[in-house]
Amino acid sequence: MKHTSLTATGLLAVLLMGGAALADSIAPGILLPKKNTKSISFAPKGSSDIFLIGIMPQGSSVKKGDSVAQADFRTLDKSIEDYERAIKSKNLEVLKLRYALDQQKERSAMSLQKFQTALTRTEEDQKDFLEKRKARMLAEEEERVNKALRYMSYKQEELNQLTKMYKDDQVAEETEEIILKRLKNELGESEFAVQGAKLVAELAKLRNIHRLGEDFATAVKEKRTDLAEARKQAEFDLEQKKIALTEAEVSLRRLQDKYNELKADREMASFKAPENGILLYGGYVADKWVAIPVAEKLKPGGKLEAFDKIATIVPPDSELIVQATLPDSTATPKVGETVVIKVTNMQIPGVITEASPIPGADGKRRIIVTPKVPASQIFAPGLPVQVTIKDQQA
């Protein structure tokens, strides 16, 4: 009976111990580096059509500059070649437009010089007319009248002298009559010539001199108008050429910017390790480690989305932590609480350093556990672990 009692007591103890064990919570987690690590991100500037065709296994040891993943660049390379051709073509267009602009400047300058010269010469002719020729032409017309008047005066004087002389001499009357008649006719002709000279002078003043002045004024006005219109046309032609050149240069810069973005994407998509360390799929996003969604995209042929965290390089001297997901039935533990971390066949102590009762976007609550052993003893980032949380009532 005593043996039976001991057995029952032992069984009760075992049951109690088992009950306590059953009260412990197991939170699955992953061994991760602390947040001060360098990740490899997909951050395209000009292209998103990049597909992965391979990636190094998780846990691989890499050196700085190693390409950890391979991408299918056929679409991207074709785009780069297309932009190279487009840039060459646009460069030629820009050169042609610059030459056309220079030629237009020369043509405009020559055209304006021609119109300016024509205006200057016309203004000089007008000035010469107003200051010299007009007065000379008026003087010539005045002299024409005066000459006729002098001639008439000479004939009148000659007639007067002969008439007086013939009264006293013995010249035959028939001869006197002939001579006087001839002089009277010449006098009459000279009087008519005077009237004609005056009429011609008036007509010259009205038609020739006055109209010539008007013609010069009109010519100057027309030349000024021609010059003003030529200036406007030159400005318009130059502005057109400038606009065309500016548009081509802007287009060229945009092509070059896009080309540089694609080239940068080509370099970025070589996915080179930023430092020596261990390759770990995923990375921290808003202080949360994200691995599973990215892991799906890392499969061969998977298409990456902008700003995906492809992988993180964990340096050999990096401190490790555990990010664990709490079961729905487990109460949120307290910060500072001691737990047990099971890594492969090792069990190591740890302490909870972060714990929040508020679930994340996926509805899960997570805790951060810091191992209480040197990282060198468990350096295996990316390994799955189990965190045993002692029941607080146990």
Protein backbone atom coordinates (compact mmCIF):
# COMPACT_ATOMS: atom_id res chain seq x y z
CA MET A 1 0.00 0.00 0.00
CA LYS A 2 2.86 2.28 0.84
CA HIS A 3 4.40 1.55 -2.58
CA THR A 4 1.05 2.26 -4.19
CA SER A 5 0.77 5.54 -2.29
CA LEU A 6 4.21 6.60 -3.48
CA THR A 7 3.30 5.70 -7.00
CA ALA A 8 0.13 7.74 -6.80
CA THR A 9 2.03 10.63 -5.31
CA GLY A 10 4.61 10.43 -8.05
CA LEU A 11 1.89 10.21 -10.67
CA LEU A 12 0.23 13.29 -9.21
CA ALA A 13 3.51 15.13 -9.30
CA VAL A 14 4.00 14.11 -12.89
CA LEU A 15 0.49 15.25 -13.77
CA LEU A 16 1.07 18.54 -12.02
CA MET A 17 4.34 18.99 -13.86
CA GLY A 18 2.65 18.05 -17.10
CA GLY A 19 -0.11 20.50 -16.35
CA ALA A 20 2.49 23.21 -15.85
CA ALA A 21 4.20 22.25 -19.10
CA LEU A 22 0.95 22.30 -20.94
CA ALA A 23 0.40 25.84 -19.57
CA ASP A 24 3.57 27.10 -21.37
CA SER A 25 3.08 28.90 -24.71
CA ILE A 26 5.13 28.21 -27.81
CA ALA A 27 5.64 31.21 -30.13
CA PRO A 28 7.20 30.44 -33.53
CA GLY A 29 9.82 32.92 -34.57
CA ILE A 30 12.88 33.62 -36.67
CA LEU A 31 16.41 34.55 -35.76
CA LEU A 32 17.10 38.01 -37.15
CA PRO A 33 19.78 40.67 -37.06
CA LYS A 34 19.18 43.92 -35.26
CA LYS A 35 17.76 46.76 -37.34
CA ASN A 36 21.06 48.48 -38.11
CA THR A 37 21.75 46.23 -41.10
CA LYS A 38 22.04 46.94 -44.82
CA SER A 39 19.41 45.55 -47.14
CA ILE A 40 19.19 45.08 -50.90
CA SER A 41 16.06 46.83 -52.16
CA PHE A 42 14.39 47.00 -55.53
CA ALA A 43 14.01 50.73 -56.08
CA PRO A 44 13.60 51.34 -59.83
CA LYS A 45 13.60 54.84 -61.26
CA GLY A 46 12.61 54.17 -64.83
CA SER A 47 11.55 50.56 -65.25
CA SER A 48 9.57 48.00 -63.30
CA ASP A 49 9.77 45.18 -65.85
CA ILE A 50 12.54 43.28 -64.10
CA PHE A 51 12.10 39.59 -63.46
CA LEU A 52 14.31 37.43 -61.27
CA ILE A 53 15.68 34.23 -62.73
CA GLY A 54 17.72 33.15 -59.73
CA ILE A 55 18.99 34.04 -56.28
CA MET A 56 21.65 32.69 -53.94
CA PRO A 57 20.35 30.36 -51.22
CA GLN A 58 19.45 31.92 -47.92
CA GLY A 59 22.32 31.61 -45.48
CA SER A 60 24.96 31.95 -48.20
CA SER A 61 28.15 33.71 -47.24
CA VAL A 62 28.71 36.68 -49.55
CA LYS A 63 31.35 39.32 -50.02
CA LYS A 64 30.85 43.01 -50.70
CA GLY A 65 30.09 43.54 -54.40
CA ASP A 66 28.86 40.00 -55.06
CA SER A 67 25.67 39.74 -57.12
CA VAL A 68 23.26 37.84 -54.91
CA ALA A 69 20.50 37.55 -57.54
CA GLN A 70 20.21 37.34 -61.31
CA ALA A 71 17.56 39.17 -63.30
CA ASP A 72 16.18 38.91 -66.82
CA PHE A 73 17.35 42.15 -68.42
CA ARG A 74 16.12 41.53 -71.97
CA THR A 75 13.20 43.95 -71.77
CA LEU A 76 15.27 46.53 -69.90
CA ASP A 77 18.22 46.24 -72.28
CA LYS A 78 15.92 46.69 -75.27
CA SER A 79 14.52 49.84 -73.69
CA ILE A 80 18.06 51.13 -73.09
CA GLU A 81 18.98 50.49 -76.74
CA ASP A 82 15.80 52.24 -77.91
CA TYR A 83 16.63 55.29 -75.82
CA GLU A 84 20.23 55.31 -77.08
CA ARG A 85 18.94 55.50 -80.66
CA ALA A 86 16.36 58.12 -79.72
CA ILE A 87 19.03 60.24 -78.01
CA LYS A 88 21.32 60.06 -81.06
CA SER A 89 18.45 61.10 -83.33
CA LYS A 90 17.39 63.91 -81.00
CA ASN A 91 21.01 65.09 -80.73
CA LEU A 92 21.15 65.45 -84.50
CA GLU A 93 17.87 67.34 -84.45
CA VAL A 94 19.21 69.71 -81.79
CA LEU A 95 22.40 70.31 -83.81
CA LYS A 96 20.35 71.05 -86.94
CA LEU A 97 18.10 73.44 -85.04
CA ARG A 98 21.08 75.23 -83.50
CA TYR A 99 22.60 75.64 -86.96
CA ALA A 100 19.23 76.83 -88.32
CA LEU A 101 19.02 79.37 -85.48
CA ASP A 102 22.53 80.67 -86.23
CA GLN A 103 21.67 80.91 -89.92
CA GLN A 104 18.45 82.71 -89.13
CA LYS A 105 20.35 85.22 -86.99
CA GLU A 106 22.72 85.92 -89.89
CA ARG A 107 19.87 86.21 -92.40
CA SER A 108 17.91 88.49 -90.10
CA ALA A 109 20.95 90.68 -89.49
CA MET A 110 21.63 90.97 -93.24
CA SER A 111 17.98 91.69 -93.99
CA LEU A 112 17.74 94.35 -91.30
CA GLN A 113 20.99 95.90 -92.50
CA LYS A 114 19.58 96.07 -96.04
CA PHE A 115 16.40 97.79 -94.86
CA GLN A 116 18.36 100.11 -92.57
CA THR A 117 20.69 101.08 -95.41
CA ALA A 118 17.73 101.79 -97.69
CA LEU A 119 16.15 103.99 -95.00
CA THR A 120 19.41 105.80 -94.30
CA ARG A 121 19.99 106.55 -97.98
CA THR A 122 16.43 107.77 -98.47
CA GLU A 123 16.71 110.00 -95.39
CA GLU A 124 20.01 111.35 -96.71
CA ASP A 125 18.39 112.06 -100.10
CA GLN A 126 15.51 113.82 -98.37
CA LYS A 127 17.90 115.87 -96.26
CA ASP A 128 19.93 116.81 -99.33
CA PHE A 129 16.74 117.86 -101.13
CA LEU A 130 15.44 119.92 -98.22
CA GLU A 131 18.76 121.57 -97.42
CA LYS A 132 20.29 122.00 -100.91
CA ARG A 133 18.44 120.80 -103.98
CA LYS A 134 15.10 122.45 -103.19
CA ALA A 135 16.66 125.88 -102.81
CA ARG A 136 18.76 125.36 -105.92
CA MET A 137 15.76 124.23 -107.97
CA LEU A 138 13.76 127.25 -106.77
CA ALA A 139 16.69 129.49 -107.66
CA GLU A 140 16.92 127.92 -111.09
CA GLU A 141 13.24 128.55 -111.76
CA GLU A 142 13.60 132.10 -110.47
CA GLU A 143 16.61 132.59 -112.70
CA ARG A 144 14.63 131.29 -115.68
CA VAL A 145 12.05 134.03 -115.15
CA ASN A 146 14.69 136.71 -114.49
CA LYS A 147 16.57 135.72 -117.64
CA ALA A 148 13.40 136.12 -119.68
CA LEU A 149 12.74 139.45 -118.02
CA ARG A 150 16.27 140.65 -118.74
CA TYR A 151 16.00 139.58 -122.34
CA MET A 152 12.70 141.42 -122.64
CA SER A 153 14.26 144.47 -121.00
CA TYR A 154 17.16 144.38 -123.45
CA LYS A 155 14.77 144.26 -126.40
CA GLN A 156 12.71 147.10 -124.97
CA GLU A 157 15.80 149.20 -124.49
CA GLU A 158 17.02 148.36 -127.97
CA LEU A 159 13.67 149.37 -129.46
CA ASN A 160 13.64 152.60 -127.52
CA GLN A 161 17.16 153.48 -128.64
CA LEU A 162 16.51 152.70 -132.29
CA THR A 163 13.24 154.60 -132.31
CA LYS A 164 14.98 157.69 -130.94
CA MET A 165 17.89 157.29 -133.31
CA TYR A 166 15.74 156.91 -136.36
CA LYS A 167 14.05 160.22 -135.69
CA ASP A 168 17.29 162.11 -136.28
CA ASP A 169 19.03 160.15 -139.01
CA GLN A 170 18.50 159.93 -142.78
CA VAL A 171 17.72 156.19 -142.89
CA ALA A 172 14.99 155.34 -145.31
CA GLU A 173 11.62 154.98 -143.75
CA GLU A 174 11.16 151.53 -145.22
CA THR A 175 14.33 150.33 -143.57
CA GLU A 176 13.38 151.89 -140.26
CA GLU A 177 10.01 150.29 -140.41
CA ILE A 178 11.49 146.88 -141.07
CA ILE A 179 14.00 147.14 -138.24
CA LEU A 180 11.51 148.50 -135.73
CA LYS A 181 8.92 145.94 -136.74
CA ARG A 182 11.46 143.16 -136.18
CA LEU A 183 12.38 144.56 -132.75
CA LYS A 184 8.74 144.94 -131.78
CA ASN A 185 8.14 141.33 -132.75
CA GLU A 186 11.16 140.22 -130.74
CA LEU A 187 9.92 142.28 -127.80
CA GLY A 188 6.54 140.64 -128.06
CA GLU A 189 8.18 137.25 -128.16
CA SER A 190 10.27 138.10 -125.13
CA GLU A 191 7.16 139.21 -123.23
CA PHE A 192 5.55 135.92 -124.15
CA ALA A 193 8.73 134.14 -123.05
CA VAL A 194 8.52 135.91 -119.69
CA GLN A 195 4.96 134.75 -119.20
CA GLY A 196 5.99 131.25 -120.18
CA ALA A 197 8.97 131.29 -117.81
CA LYS A 198 6.72 132.42 -114.94
CA LEU A 199 4.21 129.68 -115.77
CA VAL A 200 6.95 127.06 -115.99
CA ALA A 201 8.40 128.27 -112.69
CA GLU A 202 5.04 128.02 -110.96
CA LEU A 203 4.44 124.59 -112.40
CA ALA A 204 7.94 123.52 -111.38
CA LYS A 205 7.33 124.72 -107.82
CA LEU A 206 3.97 122.97 -107.70
CA ARG A 207 4.69 119.76 -109.54
CA ASN A 208 8.38 119.15 -109.40
CA ILE A 209 9.71 120.73 -106.24
CA HIS A 210 6.65 120.35 -103.98
CA ARG A 211 5.81 116.87 -105.22
CA LEU A 212 9.42 115.82 -104.99
CA GLY A 213 9.37 116.83 -101.31
CA GLU A 214 6.20 114.81 -100.79
CA ASP A 215 7.75 111.87 -102.61
CA PHE A 216 10.79 111.98 -100.33
CA ALA A 217 8.58 112.15 -97.22
CA THR A 218 6.51 109.21 -98.48
CA ALA A 219 9.64 107.23 -99.37
CA VAL A 220 11.12 107.81 -95.90
CA LYS A 221 7.85 106.74 -94.26
CA GLU A 222 7.72 103.59 -96.42
CA LYS A 223 11.34 102.72 -95.65
CA ARG A 224 10.70 103.14 -91.93
CA THR A 225 7.64 100.92 -92.20
CA ASP A 226 9.64 98.34 -94.15
CA LEU A 227 12.34 98.36 -91.47
CA ALA A 228 9.82 98.01 -88.64
CA GLU A 229 8.09 95.10 -90.40
CA ALA A 230 11.44 93.48 -91.12
CA ARG A 231 12.34 93.72 -87.43
CA LYS A 232 9.05 92.14 -86.41
CA GLN A 233 9.49 89.38 -88.97
CA ALA A 234 13.07 88.80 -87.83
CA GLU A 235 11.95 88.60 -84.19
CA PHE A 236 9.15 86.21 -85.16
CA ASP A 237 11.45 83.99 -87.22
CA LEU A 238 14.09 83.92 -84.48
CA GLU A 239 11.49 83.19 -81.80
CA GLN A 240 10.15 80.30 -83.84
CA LYS A 241 13.63 78.86 -84.20
CA LYS A 242 14.34 79.38 -80.49
CA ILE A 243 11.09 77.67 -79.47
CA ALA A 244 11.80 74.72 -81.75
CA LEU A 245 15.34 74.43 -80.35
CA THR A 246 14.14 74.73 -76.74
CA GLU A 247 11.51 72.05 -77.27
CA ALA A 248 14.10 69.74 -78.82
CA GLU A 249 16.58 70.39 -76.00
CA VAL A 250 13.92 69.71 -73.36
CA SER A 251 12.96 66.52 -75.17
CA LEU A 252 16.63 65.53 -75.33
CA ARG A 253 17.10 66.15 -71.58
CA ARG A 254 14.04 64.05 -70.83
CA LEU A 255 15.35 61.24 -73.01
CA GLN A 256 18.74 61.47 -71.31
CA ASP A 257 17.14 61.50 -67.86
CA LYS A 258 15.06 58.46 -68.73
CA TYR A 259 18.11 56.74 -70.23
CA ASN A 260 20.14 57.48 -67.07
CA GLU A 261 17.31 56.10 -64.94
CA LEU A 262 17.23 52.89 -66.97
CA LYS A 263 21.01 52.57 -66.76
CA ALA A 264 20.79 53.14 -62.99
CA ASP A 265 18.09 50.46 -62.82
CA ARG A 266 20.38 48.15 -64.75
CA GLU A 267 23.14 48.71 -62.21
CA MET A 268 20.74 48.54 -59.27
CA ALA A 269 19.22 45.31 -60.54
CA SER A 270 22.60 43.59 -60.34
CA PHE A 271 21.68 43.26 -56.65
CA LYS A 272 25.20 43.58 -55.26
CA ALA A 273 25.94 42.89 -51.62
CA PRO A 274 26.68 46.14 -49.74
CA GLU A 275 29.07 44.38 -47.32
CA ASN A 276 30.41 41.01 -46.23
CA GLY A 277 28.02 38.74 -44.38
CA ILE A 278 25.27 36.16 -44.53
CA LEU A 279 22.42 36.47 -47.07
CA LEU A 280 18.99 36.59 -45.49
CA TYR A 281 15.80 36.89 -47.54
CA GLY A 282 13.59 39.87 -46.70
CA GLY A 283 14.24 42.91 -44.58
CA TYR A 284 12.83 45.40 -42.15
CA VAL A 285 9.85 47.43 -43.32
CA ALA A 286 8.60 50.03 -40.83
CA ASP A 287 10.46 48.27 -37.98
CA LYS A 288 8.89 44.95 -38.93
CA TRP A 289 10.72 42.08 -40.54
CA VAL A 290 9.05 41.05 -43.78
CA ALA A 291 10.18 37.84 -45.41
CA ILE A 292 7.32 35.69 -46.67
CA PRO A 293 5.82 38.06 -49.32
CA VAL A 294 9.24 38.81 -50.74
CA ALA A 295 10.24 35.17 -50.65
CA GLU A 296 7.42 34.41 -53.09
CA LYS A 297 8.69 37.05 -55.50
CA LEU A 298 12.23 35.73 -55.26
CA LYS A 299 11.22 32.54 -56.99
CA PRO A 300 12.62 32.27 -60.54
CA GLY A 301 10.49 34.35 -62.88
CA GLY A 302 8.97 36.37 -60.07
CA LYS A 303 8.28 40.02 -60.81
CA LEU A 304 9.46 42.53 -58.25
CA GLU A 305 7.48 45.52 -57.13
CA ALA A 306 9.00 48.90 -56.37
CA PHE A 307 10.75 49.13 -52.99
CA ASP A 308 10.58 45.42 -52.26
CA LYS A 309 13.17 44.36 -49.70
CA ILE A 310 14.88 41.51 -51.49
CA ALA A 311 17.48 40.51 -48.96
CA THR A 312 19.52 41.67 -46.00
CA ILE A 313 23.24 41.13 -45.52
CA VAL A 314 24.01 40.24 -41.92
CA PRO A 315 27.62 40.98 -40.91
CA PRO A 316 29.43 38.29 -38.90
CA ASP A 317 29.64 40.56 -35.87
CA SER A 318 25.95 41.51 -35.96
CA GLU A 319 23.85 41.06 -32.83
CA LEU A 320 20.84 38.79 -33.25
CA ILE A 321 17.29 38.98 -31.98
CA VAL A 322 14.23 36.80 -32.28
CA GLN A 323 10.98 38.02 -33.76
CA ALA A 324 8.21 35.69 -32.62
CA THR A 325 4.47 35.58 -33.28
CA LEU A 326 2.23 35.01 -30.25
CA PRO A 327 -0.56 32.43 -30.45
CA ASP A 328 -4.01 33.94 -30.26
CA SER A 329 -4.66 32.22 -26.93
CA THR A 330 -1.50 33.53 -25.28
CA ALA A 331 -1.62 36.63 -23.15
CA THR A 332 0.85 39.36 -24.04
CA PRO A 333 3.93 38.82 -21.88
CA LYS A 334 5.75 41.56 -20.08
CA VAL A 335 8.94 43.23 -21.20
CA GLY A 336 11.85 41.83 -19.21
CA GLU A 337 10.30 38.39 -18.85
CA THR A 338 12.70 35.47 -19.30
CA VAL A 339 11.98 32.91 -22.02
CA VAL A 340 13.66 29.90 -23.59
CA ILE A 341 14.73 29.98 -27.24
CA LYS A 342 15.02 26.67 -29.06
CA VAL A 343 17.43 26.88 -32.00
CA THR A 344 17.85 23.53 -33.77
CA ASN A 345 19.03 21.28 -30.95
CA MET A 346 20.06 24.11 -28.61
CA GLN A 347 18.04 25.76 -25.90
CA ILE A 348 19.29 29.16 -24.85
CA PRO A 349 17.85 31.73 -22.45
CA GLY A 350 16.43 35.02 -23.66
CA VAL A 351 14.63 38.09 -22.39
CA ILE A 352 11.65 39.87 -23.93
CA THR A 353 12.69 43.38 -24.97
CA GLU A 354 9.59 44.42 -26.94
CA ALA A 355 5.96 43.34 -26.53
CA SER A 356 2.77 45.06 -27.49
CA PRO A 357 -0.83 43.91 -27.00
CA ILE A 358 -1.79 45.73 -30.22
CA PRO A 359 -1.82 43.42 -33.27
CA GLY A 360 -0.08 44.41 -36.48
CA ALA A 361 -1.71 44.93 -39.88
CA ASP A 362 -1.97 41.14 -40.29
CA GLY A 363 -3.80 40.78 -36.97
CA LYS A 364 -0.84 39.09 -35.27
CA ARG A 365 0.90 40.13 -32.07
CA ARG A 366 4.65 39.91 -32.04
CA ILE A 367 7.41 40.07 -29.47
CA ILE A 368 11.14 40.72 -29.74
CA VAL A 369 13.45 38.52 -27.72
CA THR A 370 17.15 39.12 -27.13
CA PRO A 371 19.27 35.96 -26.58
CA LYS A 372 21.34 36.03 -23.40
CA VAL A 373 24.37 34.42 -25.03
CA PRO A 374 27.00 35.88 -27.38
CA ALA A 375 25.84 36.07 -31.00
CA SER A 376 28.91 34.15 -32.11
CA GLN A 377 27.55 31.03 -30.41
CA ILE A 378 24.29 31.08 -32.36
CA PHE A 379 25.13 33.05 -35.49
CA ALA A 380 22.62 31.60 -37.90
CA PRO A 381 20.32 34.41 -39.04
CA GLY A 382 17.18 33.28 -40.79
CA LEU A 383 16.80 30.04 -38.83
CA PRO A 384 13.34 29.29 -37.49
CA VAL A 385 13.14 29.08 -33.71
CA GLN A 386 10.60 28.40 -31.01
CA VAL A 387 10.18 30.65 -28.00
CA THR A 388 8.79 29.05 -24.88
CA ILE A 389 6.91 31.50 -22.69
CA LYS A 390 6.25 30.29 -19.18
CA ASP A 391 2.65 30.57 -18.08
CA GLN A 392 2.45 33.30 -15.44
CA GLN A 393 0.10 31.18 -13.32
CA ALA A 394 2.27 28.07 -13.49
